[in-house]
PDB file of N, CA and C in Angstrom:
ATOM      1  N   MET A   1     -66.549   2.806 -56.073  1.00  0.00           N
ATOM      2  CA  MET A   1     -66.936   3.137 -54.716  1.00  0.00           C
ATOM      3  C   MET A   1     -66.875   4.649 -54.565  1.00  0.00           C
ATOM      4  N   GLU A   2     -67.994   5.255 -54.189  1.00  0.00           N
ATOM      5  CA  GLU A   2     -67.995   6.672 -53.899  1.00  0.00           C
ATOM      6  C   GLU A   2     -67.644   6.857 -52.442  1.00  0.00           C
ATOM      7  N   SER A   3     -66.828   7.826 -52.150  1.00  0.00           N
ATOM      8  CA  SER A   3     -66.467   8.058 -50.760  1.00  0.00           C
ATOM      9  C   SER A   3     -67.007   9.404 -50.313  1.00  0.00           C
ATOM     10  N   GLU A   4     -67.365   9.471 -49.051  1.00  0.00           N
ATOM     11  CA  GLU A   4     -67.822  10.723 -48.495  1.00  0.00           C
ATOM     12  C   GLU A   4     -66.612  11.618 -48.294  1.00  0.00           C
ATOM     13  N   PRO A   5     -66.782  12.914 -48.469  1.00  0.00           N
ATOM     14  CA  PRO A   5     -65.640  13.794 -48.228  1.00  0.00           C
ATOM     15  C   PRO A   5     -65.245  13.753 -46.758  1.00  0.00           C
ATOM     16  N   ARG A   6     -63.960  13.766 -46.510  1.00  0.00           N
ATOM     17  CA  ARG A   6     -63.469  13.757 -45.136  1.00  0.00           C
ATOM     18  C   ARG A   6     -63.475  15.175 -44.607  1.00  0.00           C
ATOM     19  N   HIS A   7     -63.962  15.313 -43.389  1.00  0.00           N
ATOM     20  CA  HIS A   7     -64.085  16.639 -42.796  1.00  0.00           C
ATOM     21  C   HIS A   7     -62.953  16.942 -41.830  1.00  0.00           C
ATOM     22  N   ALA A   8     -62.104  15.957 -41.566  1.00  0.00           N
ATOM     23  CA  ALA A   8     -61.012  16.156 -40.611  1.00  0.00           C
ATOM     24  C   ALA A   8     -59.814  15.332 -41.063  1.00  0.00           C
ATOM     25  N   PRO A   9     -58.605  15.798 -40.759  1.00  0.00           N
ATOM     26  CA  PRO A   9     -57.426  15.022 -41.146  1.00  0.00           C
ATOM     27  C   PRO A   9     -57.378  13.682 -40.421  1.00  0.00           C
ATOM     28  N   ARG A  10     -56.849  12.687 -41.125  1.00  0.00           N
ATOM     29  CA  ARG A  10     -56.654  11.359 -40.533  1.00  0.00           C
ATOM     30  C   ARG A  10     -55.181  11.181 -40.230  1.00  0.00           C
ATOM     31  N   TYR A  11     -54.924  10.468 -39.152  1.00  0.00           N
ATOM     32  CA  TYR A  11     -53.563  10.221 -38.710  1.00  0.00           C
ATOM     33  C   TYR A  11     -53.327   8.727 -38.568  1.00  0.00           C
ATOM     34  N   PRO A  12     -52.145   8.249 -38.944  1.00  0.00           N
ATOM     35  CA  PRO A  12     -51.820   6.845 -38.682  1.00  0.00           C
ATOM     36  C   PRO A  12     -51.929   6.583 -37.182  1.00  0.00           C
ATOM     37  N   PHE A  13     -52.619   5.517 -36.821  1.00  0.00           N
ATOM     38  CA  PHE A  13     -52.869   5.242 -35.403  1.00  0.00           C
ATOM     39  C   PHE A  13     -53.141   3.750 -35.255  1.00  0.00           C
ATOM     40  N   ILE A  14     -52.238   3.040 -34.589  1.00  0.00           N
ATOM     41  CA  ILE A  14     -52.388   1.595 -34.393  1.00  0.00           C
ATOM     42  C   ILE A  14     -52.807   1.344 -32.951  1.00  0.00           C
ATOM     43  N   ALA A  15     -53.964   0.721 -32.792  1.00  0.00           N
ATOM     44  CA  ALA A  15     -54.470   0.396 -31.460  1.00  0.00           C
ATOM     45  C   ALA A  15     -55.433  -0.780 -31.579  1.00  0.00           C
ATOM     46  N   GLU A  16     -55.591  -1.508 -30.487  1.00  0.00           N
ATOM     47  CA  GLU A  16     -56.576  -2.589 -30.436  1.00  0.00           C
ATOM     48  C   GLU A  16     -57.970  -1.975 -30.412  1.00  0.00           C
ATOM     49  N   ALA A  17     -58.924  -2.670 -31.038  1.00  0.00           N
ATOM     50  CA  ALA A  17     -60.305  -2.187 -31.048  1.00  0.00           C
ATOM     51  C   ALA A  17     -61.271  -3.354 -30.944  1.00  0.00           C
ATOM     52  N   GLU A  18     -62.436  -3.054 -30.413  1.00  0.00           N
ATOM     53  CA  GLU A  18     -63.527  -4.022 -30.346  1.00  0.00           C
ATOM     54  C   GLU A  18     -64.753  -3.355 -30.953  1.00  0.00           C
ATOM     55  N   VAL A  19     -65.407  -4.050 -31.854  1.00  0.00           N
ATOM     56  CA  VAL A  19     -66.600  -3.537 -32.519  1.00  0.00           C
ATOM     57  C   VAL A  19     -67.755  -4.468 -32.156  1.00  0.00           C
ATOM     58  N   THR A  20     -68.858  -3.893 -31.715  1.00  0.00           N
ATOM     59  CA  THR A  20     -70.052  -4.683 -31.410  1.00  0.00           C
ATOM     60  C   THR A  20     -71.174  -4.214 -32.320  1.00  0.00           C
ATOM     61  N   GLU A  21     -71.722  -5.136 -33.115  1.00  0.00           N
ATOM     62  CA  GLU A  21     -72.862  -4.800 -33.960  1.00  0.00           C
ATOM     63  C   GLU A  21     -74.076  -4.620 -33.056  1.00  0.00           C
ATOM     64  N   ILE A  22     -74.720  -3.470 -33.144  1.00  0.00           N
ATOM     65  CA  ILE A  22     -75.837  -3.146 -32.255  1.00  0.00           C
ATOM     66  C   ILE A  22     -76.995  -4.132 -32.427  1.00  0.00           C
ATOM     67  N   SER A  23     -77.351  -4.457 -33.660  1.00  0.00           N
ATOM     68  CA  SER A  23     -78.538  -5.286 -33.903  1.00  0.00           C
ATOM     69  C   SER A  23     -78.385  -6.724 -33.436  1.00  0.00           C
ATOM     70  N   SER A  24     -77.180  -7.284 -33.521  1.00  0.00           N
ATOM     71  CA  SER A  24     -76.982  -8.702 -33.194  1.00  0.00           C
ATOM     72  C   SER A  24     -76.147  -8.917 -31.937  1.00  0.00           C
ATOM     73  N   ASP A  25     -75.543  -7.863 -31.409  1.00  0.00           N
ATOM     74  CA  ASP A  25     -74.636  -7.939 -30.257  1.00  0.00           C
ATOM     75  C   ASP A  25     -73.390  -8.780 -30.579  1.00  0.00           C
ATOM     76  N   THR A  26     -73.073  -8.928 -31.866  1.00  0.00           N
ATOM     77  CA  THR A  26     -71.889  -9.660 -32.292  1.00  0.00           C
ATOM     78  C   THR A  26     -70.654  -8.806 -32.038  1.00  0.00           C
ATOM     79  N   LYS A  27     -69.652  -9.404 -31.367  1.00  0.00           N
ATOM     80  CA  LYS A  27     -68.409  -8.690 -31.080  1.00  0.00           C
ATOM     81  C   LYS A  27     -67.336  -9.118 -32.078  1.00  0.00           C
ATOM     82  N   LEU A  28     -66.609  -8.134 -32.597  1.00  0.00           N
ATOM     83  CA  LEU A  28     -65.531  -8.373 -33.546  1.00  0.00           C
ATOM     84  C   LEU A  28     -64.280  -7.677 -33.022  1.00  0.00           C
ATOM     85  N   ILE A  29     -63.133  -8.291 -33.232  1.00  0.00           N
ATOM     86  CA  ILE A  29     -61.853  -7.728 -32.808  1.00  0.00           C
ATOM     87  C   ILE A  29     -61.159  -7.137 -34.033  1.00  0.00           C
ATOM     88  N   ALA A  30     -60.549  -5.981 -33.853  1.00  0.00           N
ATOM     89  CA  ALA A  30     -59.890  -5.295 -34.970  1.00  0.00           C
ATOM     90  C   ALA A  30     -58.700  -4.509 -34.438  1.00  0.00           C
ATOM     91  N   LYS A  31     -57.989  -3.882 -35.361  1.00  0.00           N
ATOM     92  CA  LYS A  31     -56.945  -2.910 -35.041  1.00  0.00           C
ATOM     93  C   LYS A  31     -57.244  -1.665 -35.856  1.00  0.00           C
ATOM     94  N   THR A  32     -57.001  -0.515 -35.258  1.00  0.00           N
ATOM     95  CA  THR A  32     -57.132   0.709 -36.035  1.00  0.00           C
ATOM     96  C   THR A  32     -55.889   0.862 -36.911  1.00  0.00           C
ATOM     97  N   SER A  33     -56.057   1.504 -38.056  1.00  0.00           N
ATOM     98  CA  SER A  33     -54.885   1.870 -38.852  1.00  0.00           C
ATOM     99  C   SER A  33     -54.808   3.375 -39.021  1.00  0.00           C
ATOM    100  N   ASP A  34     -55.951   4.047 -38.922  1.00  0.00           N
ATOM    101  CA  ASP A  34     -55.927   5.506 -38.875  1.00  0.00           C
ATOM    102  C   ASP A  34     -57.106   6.008 -38.063  1.00  0.00           C
ATOM    103  N   LEU A  35     -56.985   7.272 -37.648  1.00  0.00           N
ATOM    104  CA  LEU A  35     -57.954   7.855 -36.733  1.00  0.00           C
ATOM    105  C   LEU A  35     -58.143   9.322 -37.074  1.00  0.00           C
ATOM    106  N   SER A  36     -59.374   9.808 -36.958  1.00  0.00           N
ATOM    107  CA  SER A  36     -59.658  11.235 -37.077  1.00  0.00           C
ATOM    108  C   SER A  36     -60.672  11.586 -36.000  1.00  0.00           C
ATOM    109  N   ILE A  37     -60.975  12.856 -35.896  1.00  0.00           N
ATOM    110  CA  ILE A  37     -61.958  13.291 -34.911  1.00  0.00           C
ATOM    111  C   ILE A  37     -63.348  12.755 -35.268  1.00  0.00           C
ATOM    112  N   GLY A  38     -63.549  12.361 -36.524  1.00  0.00           N
ATOM    113  CA  GLY A  38     -64.869  11.905 -36.960  1.00  0.00           C
ATOM    114  C   GLY A  38     -65.006  10.430 -37.234  1.00  0.00           C
ATOM    115  N   GLY A  39     -63.887   9.665 -37.183  1.00  0.00           N
ATOM    116  CA  GLY A  39     -63.994   8.249 -37.496  1.00  0.00           C
ATOM    117  C   GLY A  39     -62.656   7.552 -37.502  1.00  0.00           C
ATOM    118  N   ALA A  40     -62.684   6.301 -37.964  1.00  0.00           N
ATOM    119  CA  ALA A  40     -61.464   5.489 -37.981  1.00  0.00           C
ATOM    120  C   ALA A  40     -61.590   4.422 -39.053  1.00  0.00           C
ATOM    121  N   PHE A  41     -60.426   3.907 -39.477  1.00  0.00           N
ATOM    122  CA  PHE A  41     -60.416   2.715 -40.314  1.00  0.00           C
ATOM    123  C   PHE A  41     -59.965   1.563 -39.438  1.00  0.00           C
ATOM    124  N   LEU A  42     -60.728   0.471 -39.482  1.00  0.00           N
ATOM    125  CA  LEU A  42     -60.437  -0.705 -38.672  1.00  0.00           C
ATOM    126  C   LEU A  42     -59.991  -1.845 -39.566  1.00  0.00           C
ATOM    127  N   ASP A  43     -58.773  -2.335 -39.320  1.00  0.00           N
ATOM    128  CA  ASP A  43     -58.244  -3.479 -40.059  1.00  0.00           C
ATOM    129  C   ASP A  43     -58.871  -4.749 -39.515  1.00  0.00           C
ATOM    130  N   MET A  44     -59.527  -5.518 -40.390  1.00  0.00           N
ATOM    131  CA  MET A  44     -60.118  -6.792 -39.995  1.00  0.00           C
ATOM    132  C   MET A  44     -60.495  -7.569 -41.249  1.00  0.00           C
ATOM    133  N   LEU A  45     -60.437  -8.894 -41.171  1.00  0.00           N
ATOM    134  CA  LEU A  45     -60.751  -9.714 -42.328  1.00  0.00           C
ATOM    135  C   LEU A  45     -62.243  -9.764 -42.604  1.00  0.00           C
ATOM    136  N   ASN A  46     -63.047  -9.934 -41.557  1.00  0.00           N
ATOM    137  CA  ASN A  46     -64.493 -10.077 -41.722  1.00  0.00           C
ATOM    138  C   ASN A  46     -65.198  -8.848 -41.182  1.00  0.00           C
ATOM    139  N   SER A  47     -65.491  -7.918 -42.075  1.00  0.00           N
ATOM    140  CA  SER A  47     -66.106  -6.649 -41.692  1.00  0.00           C
ATOM    141  C   SER A  47     -67.609  -6.785 -41.580  1.00  0.00           C
ATOM    142  N   SER A  48     -68.212  -5.842 -40.885  1.00  0.00           N
ATOM    143  CA  SER A  48     -69.668  -5.716 -40.856  1.00  0.00           C
ATOM    144  C   SER A  48     -70.112  -5.056 -42.156  1.00  0.00           C
ATOM    145  N   PRO A  49     -71.343  -5.305 -42.593  1.00  0.00           N
ATOM    146  CA  PRO A  49     -71.817  -4.679 -43.833  1.00  0.00           C
ATOM    147  C   PRO A  49     -71.927  -3.163 -43.728  1.00  0.00           C
ATOM    148  N   GLU A  50     -71.786  -2.499 -44.849  1.00  0.00           N
ATOM    149  CA  GLU A  50     -71.961  -1.053 -44.910  1.00  0.00           C
ATOM    150  C   GLU A  50     -73.338  -0.691 -44.348  1.00  0.00           C
ATOM    151  N   GLY A  51     -73.389   0.370 -43.546  1.00  0.00           N
ATOM    152  CA  GLY A  51     -74.650   0.811 -42.950  1.00  0.00           C
ATOM    153  C   GLY A  51     -74.934   0.221 -41.583  1.00  0.00           C
ATOM    154  N   THR A  52     -74.107  -0.730 -41.126  1.00  0.00           N
ATOM    155  CA  THR A  52     -74.314  -1.360 -39.825  1.00  0.00           C
ATOM    156  C   THR A  52     -73.994  -0.386 -38.695  1.00  0.00           C
ATOM    157  N   ASP A  53     -74.910  -0.284 -37.733  1.00  0.00           N
ATOM    158  CA  ASP A  53     -74.656   0.523 -36.543  1.00  0.00           C
ATOM    159  C   ASP A  53     -73.839  -0.309 -35.565  1.00  0.00           C
ATOM    160  N   VAL A  54     -72.807   0.312 -35.001  1.00  0.00           N
ATOM    161  CA  VAL A  54     -71.863  -0.411 -34.137  1.00  0.00           C
ATOM    162  C   VAL A  54     -71.514   0.409 -32.896  1.00  0.00           C
ATOM    163  N   ARG A  55     -71.047  -0.297 -31.873  1.00  0.00           N
ATOM    164  CA  ARG A  55     -70.393   0.336 -30.724  1.00  0.00           C
ATOM    165  C   ARG A  55     -68.914   0.057 -30.901  1.00  0.00           C
ATOM    166  N   VAL A  56     -68.098   1.078 -30.821  1.00  0.00           N
ATOM    167  CA  VAL A  56     -66.657   0.957 -31.039  1.00  0.00           C
ATOM    168  C   VAL A  56     -65.941   1.250 -29.730  1.00  0.00           C
ATOM    169  N   ARG A  57     -64.999   0.379 -29.391  1.00  0.00           N
ATOM    170  CA  ARG A  57     -64.111   0.615 -28.245  1.00  0.00           C
ATOM    171  C   ARG A  57     -62.688   0.532 -28.770  1.00  0.00           C
ATOM    172  N   ILE A  58     -61.899   1.590 -28.536  1.00  0.00           N
ATOM    173  CA  ILE A  58     -60.509   1.624 -28.967  1.00  0.00           C
ATOM    174  C   ILE A  58     -59.648   1.749 -27.713  1.00  0.00           C
ATOM    175  N   PHE A  59     -58.652   0.870 -27.619  1.00  0.00           N
ATOM    176  CA  PHE A  59     -57.790   0.796 -26.444  1.00  0.00           C
ATOM    177  C   PHE A  59     -56.403   1.333 -26.801  1.00  0.00           C
ATOM    178  N   HIS A  60     -55.970   2.386 -26.124  1.00  0.00           N
ATOM    179  CA  HIS A  60     -54.661   2.987 -26.402  1.00  0.00           C
ATOM    180  C   HIS A  60     -54.027   3.384 -25.077  1.00  0.00           C
ATOM    181  N   LYS A  61     -52.811   2.881 -24.852  1.00  0.00           N
ATOM    182  CA  LYS A  61     -52.119   3.079 -23.583  1.00  0.00           C
ATOM    183  C   LYS A  61     -53.049   2.595 -22.476  1.00  0.00           C
ATOM    184  N   SER A  62     -53.367   3.404 -21.499  1.00  0.00           N
ATOM    185  CA  SER A  62     -54.236   2.945 -20.415  1.00  0.00           C
ATOM    186  C   SER A  62     -55.650   3.526 -20.528  1.00  0.00           C
ATOM    187  N   THR A  63     -56.006   3.993 -21.723  1.00  0.00           N
ATOM    188  CA  THR A  63     -57.289   4.666 -21.914  1.00  0.00           C
ATOM    189  C   THR A  63     -58.143   3.923 -22.941  1.00  0.00           C
ATOM    190  N   THR A  64     -59.456   3.957 -22.731  1.00  0.00           N
ATOM    191  CA  THR A  64     -60.398   3.368 -23.675  1.00  0.00           C
ATOM    192  C   THR A  64     -61.361   4.446 -24.155  1.00  0.00           C
ATOM    193  N   PHE A  65     -61.498   4.537 -25.474  1.00  0.00           N
ATOM    194  CA  PHE A  65     -62.467   5.442 -26.109  1.00  0.00           C
ATOM    195  C   PHE A  65     -63.639   4.588 -26.568  1.00  0.00           C
ATOM    196  N   THR A  66     -64.849   4.983 -26.191  1.00  0.00           N
ATOM    197  CA  THR A  66     -66.048   4.233 -26.552  1.00  0.00           C
ATOM    198  C   THR A  66     -67.074   5.170 -27.159  1.00  0.00           C
ATOM    199  N   THR A  67     -67.657   4.769 -28.281  1.00  0.00           N
ATOM    200  CA  THR A  67     -68.701   5.572 -28.916  1.00  0.00           C
ATOM    201  C   THR A  67     -69.546   4.702 -29.827  1.00  0.00           C
ATOM    202  N   LEU A  68     -70.645   5.253 -30.281  1.00  0.00           N
ATOM    203  CA  LEU A  68     -71.452   4.611 -31.307  1.00  0.00           C
ATOM    204  C   LEU A  68     -70.935   5.063 -32.664  1.00  0.00           C
ATOM    205  N   GLY A  69     -71.122   4.215 -33.665  1.00  0.00           N
ATOM    206  CA  GLY A  69     -70.682   4.554 -35.002  1.00  0.00           C
ATOM    207  C   GLY A  69     -71.494   3.815 -36.048  1.00  0.00           C
ATOM    208  N   ARG A  70     -71.132   4.051 -37.287  1.00  0.00           N
ATOM    209  CA  ARG A  70     -71.775   3.374 -38.409  1.00  0.00           C
ATOM    210  C   ARG A  70     -70.704   3.034 -39.434  1.00  0.00           C
ATOM    211  N   VAL A  71     -70.823   1.855 -40.009  1.00  0.00           N
ATOM    212  CA  VAL A  71     -69.910   1.436 -41.077  1.00  0.00           C
ATOM    213  C   VAL A  71     -70.278   2.226 -42.331  1.00  0.00           C
ATOM    214  N   VAL A  72     -69.310   2.996 -42.866  1.00  0.00           N
ATOM    215  CA  VAL A  72     -69.593   3.817 -44.047  1.00  0.00           C
ATOM    216  C   VAL A  72     -68.983   3.246 -45.325  1.00  0.00           C
ATOM    217  N   PHE A  73     -67.974   2.389 -45.189  1.00  0.00           N
ATOM    218  CA  PHE A  73     -67.466   1.670 -46.360  1.00  0.00           C
ATOM    219  C   PHE A  73     -66.708   0.435 -45.895  1.00  0.00           C
ATOM    220  N   VAL A  74     -66.629  -0.541 -46.806  1.00  0.00           N
ATOM    221  CA  VAL A  74     -65.943  -1.799 -46.524  1.00  0.00           C
ATOM    222  C   VAL A  74     -64.953  -2.072 -47.647  1.00  0.00           C
ATOM    223  N   LEU A  75     -63.739  -2.449 -47.287  1.00  0.00           N
ATOM    224  CA  LEU A  75     -62.756  -2.952 -48.242  1.00  0.00           C
ATOM    225  C   LEU A  75     -62.633  -4.444 -47.954  1.00  0.00           C
ATOM    226  N   PRO A  76     -63.181  -5.303 -48.826  1.00  0.00           N
ATOM    227  CA  PRO A  76     -63.211  -6.742 -48.547  1.00  0.00           C
ATOM    228  C   PRO A  76     -61.841  -7.291 -48.162  1.00  0.00           C
ATOM    229  N   ASN A  77     -61.829  -8.114 -47.116  1.00  0.00           N
ATOM    230  CA  ASN A  77     -60.632  -8.768 -46.579  1.00  0.00           C
ATOM    231  C   ASN A  77     -59.574  -7.780 -46.075  1.00  0.00           C
ATOM    232  N   MET A  78     -59.949  -6.506 -45.907  1.00  0.00           N
ATOM    233  CA  MET A  78     -59.001  -5.514 -45.398  1.00  0.00           C
ATOM    234  C   MET A  78     -59.531  -4.797 -44.168  1.00  0.00           C
ATOM    235  N   GLY A  79     -60.786  -4.366 -44.228  1.00  0.00           N
ATOM    236  CA  GLY A  79     -61.338  -3.659 -43.091  1.00  0.00           C
ATOM    237  C   GLY A  79     -62.502  -2.771 -43.470  1.00  0.00           C
ATOM    238  N   MET A  80     -62.824  -1.855 -42.544  1.00  0.00           N
ATOM    239  CA  MET A  80     -63.990  -1.008 -42.756  1.00  0.00           C
ATOM    240  C   MET A  80     -63.765   0.376 -42.160  1.00  0.00           C
ATOM    241  N   GLY A  81     -64.395   1.350 -42.805  1.00  0.00           N
ATOM    242  CA  GLY A  81     -64.373   2.721 -42.318  1.00  0.00           C
ATOM    243  C   GLY A  81     -65.580   2.958 -41.432  1.00  0.00           C
ATOM    244  N   ILE A  82     -65.329   3.552 -40.286  1.00  0.00           N
ATOM    245  CA  ILE A  82     -66.381   3.835 -39.315  1.00  0.00           C
ATOM    246  C   ILE A  82     -66.488   5.346 -39.137  1.00  0.00           C
ATOM    247  N   VAL A  83     -67.699   5.871 -39.149  1.00  0.00           N
ATOM    248  CA  VAL A  83     -67.922   7.262 -38.765  1.00  0.00           C
ATOM    249  C   VAL A  83     -68.459   7.228 -37.337  1.00  0.00           C
ATOM    250  N   PHE A  84     -67.895   8.095 -36.485  1.00  0.00           N
ATOM    251  CA  PHE A  84     -68.349   8.175 -35.097  1.00  0.00           C
ATOM    252  C   PHE A  84     -69.641   8.977 -35.032  1.00  0.00           C
ATOM    253  N   ARG A  85     -70.565   8.515 -34.165  1.00  0.00           N
ATOM    254  CA  ARG A  85     -71.848   9.192 -33.977  1.00  0.00           C
ATOM    255  C   ARG A  85     -72.127   9.283 -32.482  1.00  0.00           C
ATOM    256  N   SER A  86     -72.753  10.341 -32.071  1.00  0.00           N
ATOM    257  CA  SER A  86     -73.185  10.493 -30.668  1.00  0.00           C
ATOM    258  C   SER A  86     -72.033  10.315 -29.686  1.00  0.00           C
ATOM    259  N   VAL A  87     -70.931  11.012 -29.912  1.00  0.00           N
ATOM    260  CA  VAL A  87     -69.778  10.911 -29.020  1.00  0.00           C
ATOM    261  C   VAL A  87     -70.071  11.710 -27.749  1.00  0.00           C
ATOM    262  N   GLU A  88     -70.032  11.041 -26.610  1.00  0.00           N
ATOM    263  CA  GLU A  88     -70.255  11.708 -25.319  1.00  0.00           C
ATOM    264  C   GLU A  88     -69.090  12.668 -25.045  1.00  0.00           C
ATOM    265  N   ASP A  89     -69.357  13.711 -24.259  1.00  0.00           N
ATOM    266  CA  ASP A  89     -68.338  14.738 -23.989  1.00  0.00           C
ATOM    267  C   ASP A  89     -67.061  14.160 -23.377  1.00  0.00           C
ATOM    268  N   ASP A  90     -67.203  13.235 -22.411  1.00  0.00           N
ATOM    269  CA  ASP A  90     -66.003  12.673 -21.780  1.00  0.00           C
ATOM    270  C   ASP A  90     -65.198  11.843 -22.773  1.00  0.00           C
ATOM    271  N   GLN A  91     -65.883  11.170 -23.698  1.00  0.00           N
ATOM    272  CA  GLN A  91     -65.196  10.385 -24.712  1.00  0.00           C
ATOM    273  C   GLN A  91     -64.567  11.281 -25.767  1.00  0.00           C
ATOM    274  N   LEU A  92     -65.229  12.381 -26.088  1.00  0.00           N
ATOM    275  CA  LEU A  92     -64.675  13.344 -27.037  1.00  0.00           C
ATOM    276  C   LEU A  92     -63.364  13.918 -26.513  1.00  0.00           C
ATOM    277  N   ALA A  93     -63.296  14.148 -25.206  1.00  0.00           N
ATOM    278  CA  ALA A  93     -62.061  14.664 -24.599  1.00  0.00           C
ATOM    279  C   ALA A  93     -60.909  13.674 -24.792  1.00  0.00           C
ATOM    280  N   ILE A  94     -61.179  12.384 -24.658  1.00  0.00           N
ATOM    281  CA  ILE A  94     -60.153  11.355 -24.886  1.00  0.00           C
ATOM    282  C   ILE A  94     -59.695  11.402 -26.338  1.00  0.00           C
ATOM    283  N   LEU A  95     -60.655  11.409 -27.251  1.00  0.00           N
ATOM    284  CA  LEU A  95     -60.337  11.430 -28.679  1.00  0.00           C
ATOM    285  C   LEU A  95     -59.544  12.685 -29.045  1.00  0.00           C
ATOM    286  N   GLN A  96     -59.945  13.832 -28.517  1.00  0.00           N
ATOM    287  CA  GLN A  96     -59.231  15.076 -28.816  1.00  0.00           C
ATOM    288  C   GLN A  96     -57.795  15.025 -28.302  1.00  0.00           C
ATOM    289  N   GLU A  97     -57.577  14.410 -27.154  1.00  0.00           N
ATOM    290  CA  GLU A  97     -56.218  14.281 -26.618  1.00  0.00           C
ATOM    291  C   GLU A  97     -55.368  13.407 -27.538  1.00  0.00           C
ATOM    292  N   TRP A  98     -55.918  12.278 -27.965  1.00  0.00           N
ATOM    293  CA  TRP A  98     -55.183  11.402 -28.880  1.00  0.00           C
ATOM    294  C   TRP A  98     -54.842  12.132 -30.182  1.00  0.00           C
ATOM    295  N   ILE A  99     -55.821  12.838 -30.755  1.00  0.00           N
ATOM    296  CA  ILE A  99     -55.603  13.568 -32.009  1.00  0.00           C
ATOM    297  C   ILE A  99     -54.541  14.652 -31.807  1.00  0.00           C
ATOM    298  N   SER A 100     -54.593  15.321 -30.675  1.00  0.00           N
ATOM    299  CA  SER A 100     -53.603  16.348 -30.365  1.00  0.00           C
ATOM    300  C   SER A 100     -52.195  15.753 -30.341  1.00  0.00           C
ATOM    301  N   GLU A 101     -52.052  14.603 -29.691  1.00  0.00           N
ATOM    302  CA  GLU A 101     -50.743  13.922 -29.647  1.00  0.00           C
ATOM    303  C   GLU A 101     -50.285  13.533 -31.050  1.00  0.00           C
ATOM    304  N   LEU A 102     -51.206  13.026 -31.855  1.00  0.00           N
ATOM    305  CA  LEU A 102     -50.857  12.602 -33.219  1.00  0.00           C
ATOM    306  C   LEU A 102     -50.463  13.776 -34.085  1.00  0.00           C
ATOM    307  N   SER A 103     -51.180  14.896 -33.949  1.00  0.00           N
ATOM    308  CA  SER A 103     -50.863  16.060 -34.789  1.00  0.00           C
ATOM    309  C   SER A 103     -49.517  16.673 -34.399  1.00  0.00           C
ATOM    310  N   ARG A 104     -49.145  16.598 -33.129  1.00  0.00           N
ATOM    311  CA  ARG A 104     -47.842  17.116 -32.690  1.00  0.00           C
ATOM    312  C   ARG A 104     -46.713  16.216 -33.189  1.00  0.00           C
ATOM    313  N   ALA A 105     -46.991  14.940 -33.376  1.00  0.00           N
ATOM    314  CA  ALA A 105     -45.960  13.981 -33.785  1.00  0.00           C
ATOM    315  C   ALA A 105     -45.596  14.119 -35.263  1.00  0.00           C
ATOM    316  N   GLU A 106     -46.434  14.791 -36.035  1.00  0.00           N
ATOM    317  CA  GLU A 106     -46.175  14.909 -37.479  1.00  0.00           C
ATOM    318  C   GLU A 106     -45.058  15.886 -37.777  1.00  0.00           C
TER     319      GLU A 106
END
């Protein structure tokens, strides 16, 4: 498996997540295991195929982060890596706050 180079540090981050496949409107439930400004790894048994466009919602404390993404790799029976795409400014502010909290905790 070739992996794309990571452009931002990843931080351990456990939160509930919902993934919706854009083409089929199929909703999947997952948990995040790590998070970066550019993407996340989602723990789930039945992942979407690599290349699938998705809508991602991550729930942390009383805030929800929502963005479009794409599945960039799959680890069978473990989960999938998502790259965030087209992050709206208000959603980017949420993500930046979470990343800021995580980086201070290290």
